N, C-alpha and C. Protein backbone atom coordinates (compact mmCIF):
# COMPACT_ATOMS: atom_id res chain seq x y z
N MET A 1 113.23 380.11 181.16
CA MET A 1 114.48 380.87 181.14
C MET A 1 115.61 380.02 181.73
N SER A 2 116.78 380.15 181.18
CA SER A 2 117.90 379.33 181.61
C SER A 2 118.67 379.95 182.76
N ASN A 3 118.46 381.22 183.05
CA ASN A 3 119.23 381.90 184.09
C ASN A 3 118.34 382.35 185.23
N GLN A 4 117.43 381.49 185.66
CA GLN A 4 116.52 381.83 186.73
C GLN A 4 117.28 381.97 188.05
N PRO A 5 117.05 383.08 188.79
CA PRO A 5 117.70 383.22 190.09
C PRO A 5 117.13 382.21 191.08
N GLN A 6 117.99 381.79 192.00
CA GLN A 6 117.58 380.83 193.02
C GLN A 6 116.97 381.57 194.21
N VAL A 7 115.85 381.05 194.71
CA VAL A 7 115.17 381.67 195.84
C VAL A 7 115.85 381.22 197.12
N PRO A 8 116.21 382.15 198.03
CA PRO A 8 116.84 381.77 199.28
C PRO A 8 115.86 381.07 200.22
N GLY A 9 116.39 380.28 201.14
CA GLY A 9 115.55 379.60 202.10
C GLY A 9 115.84 378.11 202.16
N LYS A 10 115.37 377.46 203.21
CA LYS A 10 115.57 376.03 203.39
C LYS A 10 114.70 375.24 202.41
N PRO A 11 115.15 374.07 202.02
CA PRO A 11 114.30 373.20 201.17
C PRO A 11 113.00 372.87 201.89
N THR A 12 111.96 372.60 201.11
CA THR A 12 110.68 372.25 201.69
C THR A 12 110.82 370.99 202.54
N GLN A 13 110.39 371.08 203.79
CA GLN A 13 110.51 369.97 204.72
C GLN A 13 109.41 368.94 204.49
N THR A 14 109.65 367.71 204.97
CA THR A 14 108.68 366.63 204.81
C THR A 14 107.36 366.99 205.47
N GLY A 15 107.43 367.60 206.65
CA GLY A 15 106.21 368.00 207.35
C GLY A 15 105.38 368.98 206.55
N THR A 16 106.06 369.93 205.92
CA THR A 16 105.35 370.90 205.09
C THR A 16 104.68 370.22 203.91
N SER A 17 105.39 369.27 203.29
CA SER A 17 104.83 368.55 202.15
C SER A 17 103.60 367.75 202.55
N LEU A 18 103.64 367.15 203.73
CA LEU A 18 102.50 366.36 204.20
C LEU A 18 101.28 367.24 204.43
N VAL A 19 101.51 368.42 205.01
CA VAL A 19 100.41 369.36 205.23
C VAL A 19 99.83 369.81 203.90
N GLU A 20 100.71 370.10 202.94
CA GLU A 20 100.24 370.53 201.62
C GLU A 20 99.41 369.44 200.95
N THR A 21 99.84 368.21 201.10
CA THR A 21 99.09 367.09 200.52
C THR A 21 97.70 366.99 201.15
N ALA A 22 97.64 367.15 202.47
CA ALA A 22 96.36 367.06 203.18
C ALA A 22 95.42 368.19 202.78
N THR A 23 95.94 369.42 202.75
CA THR A 23 95.08 370.56 202.42
C THR A 23 94.62 370.50 200.96
N SER A 24 95.49 370.01 200.07
CA SER A 24 95.10 369.94 198.66
C SER A 24 94.01 368.90 198.44
N THR A 25 93.92 367.94 199.33
CA THR A 25 92.87 366.92 199.23
C THR A 25 91.53 367.46 199.72
N ILE A 26 91.59 368.35 200.71
CA ILE A 26 90.37 368.83 201.36
C ILE A 26 89.84 370.11 200.72
N GLN A 27 90.75 371.05 200.42
CA GLN A 27 90.31 372.36 199.97
C GLN A 27 89.98 372.38 198.47
N ASP A 28 89.16 373.37 198.11
CA ASP A 28 88.73 373.52 196.72
C ASP A 28 89.40 374.75 196.13
N PHE A 29 90.22 374.56 195.13
CA PHE A 29 90.98 375.66 194.52
C PHE A 29 90.30 376.14 193.23
N GLN A 30 89.05 376.56 193.36
CA GLN A 30 88.27 376.89 192.17
C GLN A 30 88.90 377.97 191.29
N PRO A 31 89.35 379.11 191.85
CA PRO A 31 89.93 380.14 190.96
C PRO A 31 91.11 379.61 190.14
N VAL A 32 92.01 378.88 190.79
CA VAL A 32 93.18 378.36 190.10
C VAL A 32 92.80 377.26 189.11
N ASN A 33 91.82 376.47 189.48
CA ASN A 33 91.41 375.36 188.62
C ASN A 33 90.72 375.83 187.34
N GLN A 34 90.39 377.10 187.25
CA GLN A 34 89.78 377.63 186.03
C GLN A 34 90.82 377.89 184.94
N ILE A 35 92.09 377.88 185.32
CA ILE A 35 93.16 378.09 184.33
C ILE A 35 93.12 376.97 183.29
N HIS A 36 93.10 377.36 182.03
CA HIS A 36 92.93 376.38 180.96
C HIS A 36 93.86 376.63 179.78
N GLN A 37 94.74 377.62 179.91
CA GLN A 37 95.49 378.03 178.73
C GLN A 37 96.88 378.52 179.12
N HIS A 38 97.88 378.15 178.34
CA HIS A 38 99.27 378.58 178.55
C HIS A 38 99.74 379.33 177.31
N LEU A 39 100.06 380.59 177.50
CA LEU A 39 100.60 381.43 176.43
C LEU A 39 102.03 381.83 176.79
N CYS A 40 102.92 381.80 175.82
CA CYS A 40 104.28 382.27 176.03
C CYS A 40 104.51 383.51 175.16
N ALA A 41 105.08 384.55 175.76
CA ALA A 41 105.34 385.78 175.03
C ALA A 41 106.52 386.50 175.69
N PHE A 42 106.71 387.75 175.33
CA PHE A 42 107.79 388.56 175.89
C PHE A 42 107.22 389.90 176.37
N HIS A 43 107.72 390.37 177.49
CA HIS A 43 107.34 391.69 178.00
C HIS A 43 108.59 392.55 178.15
N PHE A 44 108.41 393.85 178.04
CA PHE A 44 109.49 394.76 178.39
C PHE A 44 108.95 395.82 179.36
N TYR A 45 109.85 396.38 180.16
CA TYR A 45 109.44 397.38 181.14
C TYR A 45 108.96 398.62 180.39
N ALA A 46 107.85 399.18 180.84
CA ALA A 46 107.17 400.23 180.08
C ALA A 46 108.01 401.48 179.89
N TYR A 47 109.07 401.63 180.67
CA TYR A 47 109.94 402.80 180.52
C TYR A 47 111.32 402.43 179.99
N ASP A 48 111.55 401.13 179.72
CA ASP A 48 112.89 400.70 179.32
C ASP A 48 112.79 399.44 178.45
N MET A 49 112.81 399.62 177.14
CA MET A 49 112.66 398.49 176.22
C MET A 49 113.88 397.58 176.21
N THR A 50 115.00 398.03 176.77
CA THR A 50 116.18 397.17 176.79
C THR A 50 116.03 396.04 177.81
N ARG A 51 115.06 396.16 178.71
CA ARG A 51 114.83 395.13 179.72
C ARG A 51 113.66 394.26 179.26
N GLN A 52 113.99 393.14 178.66
CA GLN A 52 113.00 392.23 178.08
C GLN A 52 113.03 390.89 178.80
N VAL A 53 111.85 390.33 179.05
CA VAL A 53 111.78 389.06 179.77
C VAL A 53 110.80 388.12 179.09
N GLU A 54 111.09 386.84 179.22
CA GLU A 54 110.19 385.78 178.77
C GLU A 54 109.06 385.66 179.79
N ALA A 55 107.83 385.57 179.33
CA ALA A 55 106.67 385.56 180.23
C ALA A 55 105.72 384.43 179.87
N HIS A 56 105.46 383.56 180.83
CA HIS A 56 104.54 382.44 180.62
C HIS A 56 103.21 382.75 181.31
N HIS A 57 102.16 382.89 180.50
CA HIS A 57 100.84 383.25 180.99
C HIS A 57 99.97 382.00 181.17
N PHE A 58 99.42 381.86 182.34
CA PHE A 58 98.47 380.78 182.60
C PHE A 58 97.12 381.43 182.87
N CYS A 59 96.20 381.28 181.92
CA CYS A 59 95.01 382.13 181.85
C CYS A 59 93.70 381.41 182.08
N ALA A 60 92.74 382.18 182.59
CA ALA A 60 91.36 381.72 182.76
C ALA A 60 90.43 382.80 182.26
N HIS A 61 89.35 382.40 181.60
CA HIS A 61 88.35 383.36 181.15
C HIS A 61 87.39 383.70 182.29
N LEU A 62 87.13 385.00 182.48
CA LEU A 62 86.04 385.42 183.35
C LEU A 62 84.75 385.45 182.55
N ASN A 63 84.86 385.81 181.29
CA ASN A 63 83.77 385.70 180.32
C ASN A 63 84.40 385.78 178.93
N ASP A 64 83.60 385.91 177.90
CA ASP A 64 84.13 385.86 176.54
C ASP A 64 84.94 387.10 176.18
N GLU A 65 84.85 388.16 176.99
CA GLU A 65 85.55 389.41 176.68
C GLU A 65 86.67 389.73 177.66
N MET A 66 86.87 388.89 178.67
CA MET A 66 87.96 389.16 179.62
C MET A 66 88.55 387.86 180.15
N ARG A 67 89.86 387.82 180.18
CA ARG A 67 90.55 386.71 180.81
C ARG A 67 91.62 387.27 181.75
N GLN A 68 91.98 386.51 182.76
CA GLN A 68 93.00 386.93 183.70
C GLN A 68 94.09 385.86 183.74
N CYS A 69 95.35 386.34 183.79
CA CYS A 69 96.48 385.42 183.64
C CYS A 69 97.50 385.61 184.76
N LEU A 70 97.95 384.51 185.33
CA LEU A 70 99.09 384.49 186.22
C LEU A 70 100.34 384.34 185.36
N ILE A 71 101.35 385.15 185.63
CA ILE A 71 102.55 385.13 184.81
C ILE A 71 103.71 384.56 185.61
N PHE A 72 104.34 383.54 185.03
CA PHE A 72 105.48 382.89 185.64
C PHE A 72 106.72 383.07 184.76
N ASP A 73 107.90 382.87 185.38
CA ASP A 73 109.13 383.03 184.60
C ASP A 73 109.49 381.78 183.81
N GLY A 74 108.68 380.74 183.92
CA GLY A 74 108.91 379.52 183.17
C GLY A 74 107.71 378.60 183.28
N PRO A 75 107.73 377.48 182.58
CA PRO A 75 106.59 376.56 182.59
C PRO A 75 106.74 375.38 183.54
N ASN A 76 107.84 375.33 184.31
CA ASN A 76 108.08 374.16 185.15
C ASN A 76 107.50 374.34 186.55
N LYS A 77 107.53 373.28 187.35
CA LYS A 77 106.88 373.30 188.66
C LYS A 77 107.54 374.25 189.65
N ASN A 78 108.79 374.60 189.43
CA ASN A 78 109.48 375.52 190.33
C ASN A 78 109.50 376.96 189.82
N ALA A 79 108.70 377.23 188.79
CA ALA A 79 108.65 378.58 188.23
C ALA A 79 108.14 379.57 189.27
N LYS A 80 108.61 380.80 189.15
CA LYS A 80 108.22 381.85 190.10
C LYS A 80 107.10 382.70 189.51
N LEU A 81 106.12 383.02 190.37
CA LEU A 81 105.04 383.92 189.97
C LEU A 81 105.60 385.34 189.94
N ILE A 82 105.68 385.93 188.75
CA ILE A 82 106.31 387.25 188.63
C ILE A 82 105.34 388.37 188.30
N GLY A 83 104.09 388.03 187.93
CA GLY A 83 103.16 389.11 187.59
C GLY A 83 101.78 388.61 187.23
N VAL A 84 100.95 389.56 186.79
CA VAL A 84 99.60 389.24 186.34
C VAL A 84 99.30 390.06 185.08
N GLU A 85 98.41 389.52 184.26
CA GLU A 85 97.94 390.27 183.10
C GLU A 85 96.44 390.07 182.95
N TYR A 86 95.76 391.19 182.68
CA TYR A 86 94.34 391.16 182.35
C TYR A 86 94.21 391.41 180.86
N ILE A 87 93.42 390.60 180.19
CA ILE A 87 93.23 390.72 178.74
C ILE A 87 91.76 390.97 178.46
N ILE A 88 91.48 392.04 177.72
CA ILE A 88 90.09 392.42 177.45
C ILE A 88 89.86 392.64 175.95
N SER A 89 88.60 392.60 175.59
CA SER A 89 88.21 392.82 174.19
C SER A 89 88.36 394.29 173.82
N GLU A 90 88.35 394.55 172.53
CA GLU A 90 88.39 395.93 172.05
C GLU A 90 87.18 396.71 172.58
N LYS A 91 86.04 396.06 172.62
CA LYS A 91 84.82 396.72 173.11
C LYS A 91 85.00 397.23 174.52
N LEU A 92 85.57 396.42 175.40
CA LEU A 92 85.79 396.85 176.78
C LEU A 92 86.89 397.90 176.86
N PHE A 93 87.93 397.73 176.05
CA PHE A 93 89.03 398.71 176.06
C PHE A 93 88.52 400.11 175.72
N LEU A 94 87.62 400.20 174.76
CA LEU A 94 87.12 401.51 174.32
C LEU A 94 86.28 402.21 175.38
N THR A 95 85.85 401.48 176.41
CA THR A 95 85.08 402.11 177.50
C THR A 95 85.99 402.72 178.55
N LEU A 96 87.30 402.46 178.49
CA LEU A 96 88.22 402.95 179.52
C LEU A 96 88.48 404.44 179.38
N PRO A 97 88.72 405.15 180.50
CA PRO A 97 89.13 406.55 180.43
C PRO A 97 90.44 406.67 179.65
N ASP A 98 90.67 407.81 179.02
CA ASP A 98 91.85 407.98 178.19
C ASP A 98 93.15 407.75 178.95
N GLU A 99 93.23 408.24 180.20
CA GLU A 99 94.45 408.05 180.97
C GLU A 99 94.71 406.58 181.26
N GLU A 100 93.64 405.81 181.39
CA GLU A 100 93.76 404.38 181.65
C GLU A 100 94.23 403.65 180.41
N LYS A 101 93.79 404.09 179.24
CA LYS A 101 94.15 403.40 178.00
C LYS A 101 95.66 403.31 177.81
N LYS A 102 96.40 404.29 178.33
CA LYS A 102 97.86 404.32 178.15
C LYS A 102 98.56 403.18 178.87
N LEU A 103 97.88 402.58 179.82
CA LEU A 103 98.48 401.51 180.62
C LEU A 103 98.30 400.14 179.98
N TRP A 104 97.56 400.09 178.89
CA TRP A 104 97.25 398.83 178.21
C TRP A 104 98.04 398.71 176.91
N HIS A 105 98.33 397.49 176.52
CA HIS A 105 99.07 397.26 175.27
C HIS A 105 98.25 396.40 174.31
N SER A 106 98.54 396.55 173.05
CA SER A 106 97.89 395.75 172.01
C SER A 106 98.61 394.42 171.85
N HIS A 107 97.93 393.46 171.24
CA HIS A 107 98.52 392.13 171.01
C HIS A 107 98.69 391.80 169.53
N LEU A 108 98.30 392.70 168.67
CA LEU A 108 98.29 392.41 167.23
C LEU A 108 99.67 392.00 166.72
N TYR A 109 100.69 392.82 167.01
CA TYR A 109 102.02 392.49 166.49
C TYR A 109 102.54 391.18 167.07
N GLU A 110 102.35 390.99 168.38
CA GLU A 110 102.83 389.75 169.01
C GLU A 110 102.28 388.52 168.31
N VAL A 111 101.00 388.57 167.99
CA VAL A 111 100.36 387.41 167.35
C VAL A 111 100.86 387.26 165.91
N LYS A 112 100.78 388.31 165.11
CA LYS A 112 101.10 388.19 163.70
C LYS A 112 102.59 387.90 163.45
N SER A 113 103.45 388.32 164.38
CA SER A 113 104.88 388.06 164.22
C SER A 113 105.26 386.65 164.65
N GLY A 114 104.34 385.98 165.34
CA GLY A 114 104.59 384.62 165.78
C GLY A 114 105.23 384.49 167.15
N VAL A 115 105.60 385.61 167.79
CA VAL A 115 106.34 385.54 169.06
C VAL A 115 105.44 385.25 170.24
N LEU A 116 104.13 385.34 170.07
CA LEU A 116 103.19 384.90 171.09
C LEU A 116 102.63 383.56 170.63
N PHE A 117 102.82 382.54 171.45
CA PHE A 117 102.41 381.21 171.01
C PHE A 117 101.93 380.38 172.19
N MET A 118 101.31 379.26 171.89
CA MET A 118 100.78 378.34 172.89
C MET A 118 101.61 377.05 172.83
N PRO A 119 102.52 376.84 173.77
CA PRO A 119 103.38 375.65 173.73
C PRO A 119 102.59 374.35 173.63
N CYS A 120 103.03 373.49 172.73
CA CYS A 120 102.53 372.11 172.58
C CYS A 120 101.12 372.01 172.01
N ILE A 121 100.51 373.12 171.62
CA ILE A 121 99.15 373.08 171.09
C ILE A 121 99.18 372.93 169.57
N PRO A 122 98.40 372.02 168.99
CA PRO A 122 98.36 371.83 167.53
C PRO A 122 98.01 373.13 166.81
N GLY A 123 98.58 373.31 165.63
CA GLY A 123 98.42 374.54 164.86
C GLY A 123 97.00 375.02 164.67
N PRO A 124 96.07 374.17 164.22
CA PRO A 124 94.69 374.65 163.99
C PRO A 124 94.01 375.18 165.25
N ILE A 125 94.26 374.53 166.38
CA ILE A 125 93.66 374.99 167.64
C ILE A 125 94.30 376.31 168.07
N GLU A 126 95.63 376.38 167.94
CA GLU A 126 96.33 377.60 168.30
C GLU A 126 95.88 378.77 167.43
N ARG A 127 95.71 378.54 166.15
CA ARG A 127 95.32 379.61 165.23
C ARG A 127 93.96 380.18 165.60
N THR A 128 93.02 379.33 165.98
CA THR A 128 91.70 379.80 166.38
C THR A 128 91.81 380.75 167.57
N GLU A 129 92.65 380.40 168.53
CA GLU A 129 92.82 381.25 169.71
C GLU A 129 93.59 382.52 169.37
N MET A 130 94.59 382.42 168.52
CA MET A 130 95.37 383.60 168.14
C MET A 130 94.52 384.62 167.40
N ASP A 131 93.54 384.13 166.65
CA ASP A 131 92.63 385.04 165.93
C ASP A 131 91.84 385.90 166.91
N LYS A 132 91.57 385.36 168.09
CA LYS A 132 90.87 386.11 169.13
C LYS A 132 91.82 387.06 169.86
N VAL A 133 92.99 386.54 170.22
CA VAL A 133 93.94 387.32 171.02
C VAL A 133 94.42 388.56 170.28
N CYS A 134 94.62 388.46 168.97
CA CYS A 134 95.18 389.60 168.24
C CYS A 134 94.25 390.80 168.19
N LYS A 135 93.02 390.62 168.62
CA LYS A 135 92.05 391.72 168.65
C LYS A 135 91.91 392.32 170.05
N THR A 136 92.70 391.84 171.00
CA THR A 136 92.54 392.24 172.39
C THR A 136 93.62 393.23 172.84
N TYR A 137 93.42 393.71 174.10
CA TYR A 137 94.39 394.56 174.78
C TYR A 137 94.71 393.94 176.13
N GLY A 138 95.93 394.18 176.62
CA GLY A 138 96.33 393.62 177.90
C GLY A 138 96.92 394.67 178.82
N LYS A 139 96.75 394.47 180.12
CA LYS A 139 97.37 395.32 181.15
C LYS A 139 98.19 394.40 182.04
N THR A 140 99.49 394.66 182.11
CA THR A 140 100.41 393.74 182.78
C THR A 140 101.23 394.44 183.85
N THR A 141 101.32 393.80 185.00
CA THR A 141 102.16 394.27 186.09
C THR A 141 103.06 393.12 186.52
N HIS A 142 104.36 393.41 186.62
CA HIS A 142 105.30 392.44 187.16
C HIS A 142 105.74 392.89 188.55
N PHE A 143 105.87 391.93 189.44
CA PHE A 143 106.26 392.20 190.82
C PHE A 143 107.68 391.73 191.13
N TRP A 144 108.24 390.92 190.25
CA TRP A 144 109.55 390.31 190.49
C TRP A 144 110.45 390.63 189.30
N GLN A 145 111.50 391.40 189.55
CA GLN A 145 112.39 391.84 188.48
C GLN A 145 113.49 390.79 188.26
N ILE A 146 113.08 389.69 187.63
CA ILE A 146 114.00 388.57 187.45
C ILE A 146 115.16 388.90 186.52
N ASP A 147 114.99 389.88 185.65
CA ASP A 147 116.07 390.24 184.73
C ASP A 147 117.25 390.88 185.48
N LYS A 148 117.00 391.36 186.69
CA LYS A 148 118.07 391.91 187.51
C LYS A 148 118.72 390.84 188.39
N GLY A 149 118.20 389.62 188.30
CA GLY A 149 118.75 388.54 189.10
C GLY A 149 118.27 388.55 190.54
N HIS A 150 117.21 389.28 190.83
CA HIS A 150 116.69 389.34 192.19
C HIS A 150 116.21 387.95 192.63
N ASP A 151 116.61 387.54 193.82
CA ASP A 151 116.16 386.24 194.32
C ASP A 151 114.88 386.35 195.14
N LEU A 152 114.38 387.56 195.32
CA LEU A 152 113.09 387.82 195.96
C LEU A 152 112.41 388.96 195.19
N PRO A 153 111.08 389.09 195.30
CA PRO A 153 110.39 390.19 194.59
C PRO A 153 110.62 391.53 195.28
N LEU A 154 111.57 392.29 194.77
CA LEU A 154 111.98 393.56 195.37
C LEU A 154 111.46 394.74 194.58
N GLY A 155 111.29 395.87 195.28
CA GLY A 155 110.95 397.12 194.60
C GLY A 155 109.48 397.27 194.29
N LEU A 156 109.19 398.31 193.53
CA LEU A 156 107.81 398.63 193.17
C LEU A 156 107.27 397.68 192.11
N PRO A 157 105.96 397.49 192.06
CA PRO A 157 105.36 396.80 190.91
C PRO A 157 105.73 397.55 189.63
N GLN A 158 105.94 396.83 188.56
CA GLN A 158 106.38 397.42 187.31
C GLN A 158 105.34 397.23 186.21
N LEU A 159 104.96 398.34 185.57
CA LEU A 159 104.09 398.25 184.41
C LEU A 159 104.89 397.73 183.24
N MET A 160 104.33 396.75 182.53
CA MET A 160 105.02 396.14 181.40
C MET A 160 104.26 396.40 180.11
N MET A 161 104.97 396.34 179.01
CA MET A 161 104.38 396.52 177.69
C MET A 161 104.76 395.34 176.79
N ALA A 162 104.18 395.31 175.61
CA ALA A 162 104.43 394.24 174.65
C ALA A 162 105.04 394.79 173.38
N LEU A 163 105.63 393.92 172.60
CA LEU A 163 106.27 394.31 171.35
C LEU A 163 105.24 394.82 170.35
N THR A 164 105.64 395.82 169.57
CA THR A 164 104.71 396.39 168.60
C THR A 164 105.26 396.44 167.17
N ARG A 165 106.53 396.13 166.99
CA ARG A 165 107.08 396.15 165.62
C ARG A 165 108.38 395.36 165.57
N ASP A 166 108.82 395.07 164.35
CA ASP A 166 110.07 394.35 164.14
C ASP A 166 111.25 395.14 164.68
N GLY A 167 112.29 394.41 165.07
CA GLY A 167 113.52 395.06 165.53
C GLY A 167 113.56 395.35 167.01
N GLN A 168 112.46 395.11 167.72
CA GLN A 168 112.43 395.40 169.16
C GLN A 168 112.94 394.23 169.99
N LEU A 169 112.59 393.01 169.63
CA LEU A 169 112.95 391.84 170.42
C LEU A 169 114.41 391.45 170.17
N TYR A 170 115.14 391.21 171.24
CA TYR A 170 116.52 390.78 171.12
C TYR A 170 116.59 389.41 170.44
N ASP A 171 117.47 389.29 169.46
CA ASP A 171 117.59 388.05 168.70
C ASP A 171 117.94 386.87 169.60
N GLU A 172 118.85 387.08 170.55
CA GLU A 172 119.27 385.97 171.40
C GLU A 172 118.14 385.45 172.28
N LEU A 173 117.27 386.36 172.71
CA LEU A 173 116.12 385.95 173.53
C LEU A 173 115.14 385.15 172.68
N ALA A 174 114.87 385.64 171.48
CA ALA A 174 113.96 384.94 170.57
C ALA A 174 114.50 383.56 170.21
N GLN A 175 115.77 383.48 169.87
CA GLN A 175 116.38 382.22 169.45
C GLN A 175 116.40 381.20 170.59
N ASP A 176 116.62 381.66 171.80
CA ASP A 176 116.63 380.76 172.96
C ASP A 176 115.27 380.12 173.15
N VAL A 177 114.20 380.92 173.06
CA VAL A 177 112.85 380.39 173.23
C VAL A 177 112.49 379.46 172.07
N GLU A 178 112.82 379.84 170.85
CA GLU A 178 112.54 378.97 169.69
C GLU A 178 113.19 377.61 169.85
N LYS A 179 114.43 377.60 170.31
CA LYS A 179 115.16 376.36 170.46
C LYS A 179 114.55 375.49 171.56
N ARG A 180 114.22 376.07 172.70
CA ARG A 180 113.72 375.29 173.83
C ARG A 180 112.33 374.74 173.59
N PHE A 181 111.50 375.47 172.82
CA PHE A 181 110.12 375.03 172.62
C PHE A 181 109.89 374.44 171.23
N GLY A 182 110.92 374.41 170.41
CA GLY A 182 110.79 373.80 169.10
C GLY A 182 109.82 374.53 168.19
N VAL A 183 109.86 375.86 168.22
CA VAL A 183 108.96 376.65 167.39
C VAL A 183 109.77 377.54 166.46
N SER A 184 109.12 378.04 165.40
CA SER A 184 109.73 378.97 164.47
C SER A 184 108.84 380.20 164.36
N PHE A 185 109.33 381.32 164.86
CA PHE A 185 108.53 382.55 164.79
C PHE A 185 108.28 382.97 163.35
N GLU A 186 109.27 382.77 162.49
CA GLU A 186 109.12 383.16 161.09
C GLU A 186 108.06 382.30 160.40
N LYS A 187 108.05 381.02 160.71
CA LYS A 187 107.04 380.13 160.13
C LYS A 187 105.65 380.54 160.59
N GLU A 188 105.53 380.87 161.88
CA GLU A 188 104.22 381.29 162.40
C GLU A 188 103.81 382.64 161.84
N ARG A 189 104.76 383.51 161.59
CA ARG A 189 104.44 384.80 160.97
C ARG A 189 103.75 384.58 159.63
N LYS A 190 104.27 383.65 158.84
CA LYS A 190 103.67 383.37 157.53
C LYS A 190 102.29 382.73 157.69
N ASN A 191 102.16 381.84 158.66
CA ASN A 191 100.88 381.16 158.88
C ASN A 191 99.78 382.11 159.35
N ARG A 192 100.18 383.19 159.99
CA ARG A 192 99.20 384.11 160.59
C ARG A 192 99.05 385.42 159.82
N ALA A 193 99.59 385.46 158.61
CA ALA A 193 99.62 386.71 157.83
C ALA A 193 98.23 387.29 157.59
N ASP A 194 97.21 386.44 157.52
CA ASP A 194 95.87 386.92 157.21
C ASP A 194 95.04 387.27 158.45
N LEU A 195 95.59 387.09 159.63
CA LEU A 195 94.84 387.44 160.84
C LEU A 195 94.72 388.95 160.97
N THR A 196 93.63 389.41 161.54
CA THR A 196 93.37 390.84 161.63
C THR A 196 93.25 391.27 163.09
N GLY A 197 93.50 392.54 163.32
CA GLY A 197 93.48 393.09 164.68
C GLY A 197 92.15 393.72 165.05
N PRO A 198 92.17 394.65 166.01
CA PRO A 198 90.94 395.32 166.44
C PRO A 198 90.20 395.95 165.27
N ALA A 199 88.88 395.92 165.33
CA ALA A 199 88.06 396.43 164.22
C ALA A 199 88.32 397.90 163.94
N HIS A 200 88.65 398.67 164.99
CA HIS A 200 88.91 400.11 164.82
C HIS A 200 90.39 400.42 164.73
N GLY A 201 91.21 399.40 164.53
CA GLY A 201 92.64 399.62 164.50
C GLY A 201 93.19 399.76 165.91
N ILE A 202 94.51 399.73 166.03
CA ILE A 202 95.12 399.89 167.36
C ILE A 202 94.91 401.32 167.83
N HIS A 203 94.35 401.47 169.00
CA HIS A 203 94.04 402.80 169.53
C HIS A 203 95.33 403.59 169.77
N PRO A 204 95.39 404.88 169.38
CA PRO A 204 96.62 405.66 169.53
C PRO A 204 97.07 405.86 170.97
N LEU A 205 96.17 405.70 171.93
CA LEU A 205 96.57 405.87 173.33
C LEU A 205 97.08 404.57 173.96
N ALA A 206 96.87 403.45 173.28
CA ALA A 206 97.39 402.18 173.79
C ALA A 206 98.90 402.15 173.68
N ASN A 207 99.54 401.19 174.33
CA ASN A 207 101.00 401.06 174.29
C ASN A 207 101.69 402.31 174.81
N GLY A 208 101.12 402.88 175.89
CA GLY A 208 101.71 404.07 176.48
C GLY A 208 101.54 405.32 175.64
N GLY A 209 100.65 405.25 174.64
CA GLY A 209 100.49 406.39 173.75
C GLY A 209 101.75 406.67 172.96
N GLY A 210 102.58 405.63 172.79
CA GLY A 210 103.82 405.79 172.04
C GLY A 210 104.98 406.32 172.86
N LYS A 211 104.79 406.45 174.18
CA LYS A 211 105.84 406.96 175.06
C LYS A 211 106.09 405.98 176.20
N GLY A 212 107.21 406.19 176.90
CA GLY A 212 107.50 405.37 178.05
C GLY A 212 106.63 405.76 179.23
N VAL A 213 106.30 404.79 180.06
CA VAL A 213 105.47 405.02 181.24
C VAL A 213 106.15 404.36 182.44
N GLU A 214 106.38 405.14 183.50
CA GLU A 214 107.04 404.61 184.68
C GLU A 214 106.23 404.93 185.93
N LEU A 215 106.05 403.92 186.78
CA LEU A 215 105.34 404.13 188.04
C LEU A 215 106.31 404.69 189.06
N LYS A 216 105.86 405.69 189.85
CA LYS A 216 106.69 406.32 190.86
C LYS A 216 106.02 406.20 192.22
N LEU A 217 106.85 406.12 193.26
CA LEU A 217 106.35 406.06 194.63
C LEU A 217 106.48 407.43 195.27
N ARG A 218 105.42 407.89 195.96
CA ARG A 218 105.51 409.15 196.69
C ARG A 218 104.75 409.02 198.00
N GLU A 219 105.24 409.72 199.01
CA GLU A 219 104.61 409.67 200.31
C GLU A 219 103.40 410.61 200.35
N VAL A 220 102.33 410.15 200.98
CA VAL A 220 101.13 410.96 201.17
C VAL A 220 100.62 410.72 202.58
N ASP A 221 99.76 411.59 203.04
CA ASP A 221 99.13 411.38 204.34
C ASP A 221 98.16 410.20 204.24
N CYS A 222 98.26 409.30 205.18
CA CYS A 222 97.38 408.14 205.19
C CYS A 222 96.06 408.49 205.87
N LYS A 223 94.96 408.29 205.16
CA LYS A 223 93.67 408.61 205.75
C LYS A 223 93.40 407.68 206.92
N PRO A 224 93.02 408.22 208.06
CA PRO A 224 92.75 407.37 209.22
C PRO A 224 91.47 406.57 209.06
N ALA A 225 91.39 405.47 209.78
CA ALA A 225 90.19 404.67 209.75
C ALA A 225 89.03 405.45 210.36
N ARG A 226 87.83 405.22 209.86
CA ARG A 226 86.66 405.91 210.40
C ARG A 226 86.36 405.36 211.79
N VAL A 227 86.17 406.27 212.72
CA VAL A 227 85.91 405.87 214.11
C VAL A 227 84.44 406.10 214.42
N PHE A 228 83.76 405.07 214.91
CA PHE A 228 82.35 405.17 215.26
C PHE A 228 82.24 405.24 216.78
N VAL A 229 81.51 406.21 217.27
CA VAL A 229 81.28 406.35 218.73
C VAL A 229 79.80 406.36 219.03
């Protein structure tokens, strides 16, 4: 994104950098080192489609039916971690309670329209992966409302959704990403025309069940810790 808000605070000091270098040499970052894939797509707030953001997913497979992704506002070293997405197979999605299904979105349109892509990956390799992704469902939460220009992650976690049909994505947002990454969504749409989605079709309860979904905060009594005597 070209309009990333600047994070307040002092520049990283030399001492901090030295400590980071030392710890990175000694410690083992196994969970992060499992990341093997970069997907770029767009999310909108589940209750407000006018708020659309570019989302860079850095993903790792837990197994063949589930992957987990860290979402950043860009692909560069100073990108901010703004959310997470879990991606599961249709088989796993169908095991979810009905109320839970509403919190998940389909990926079929994103893939077939070309707006979900893997930067810098050759077409044949990308197509193989897109054939898998278009059959999946995702659950996404953003913690940093970068579209509001927030310089820190403020407010409640936000449930996000994905595009499901033509006419939803802002042209200027699409064109900006196409230009920066040298891709053509229309060209990819044609290349992916024969890809198919979930075997049972997109579930009617997915994508918010066709309605907006907003998370609300409410006060409740906090259960006390159990006391052993």
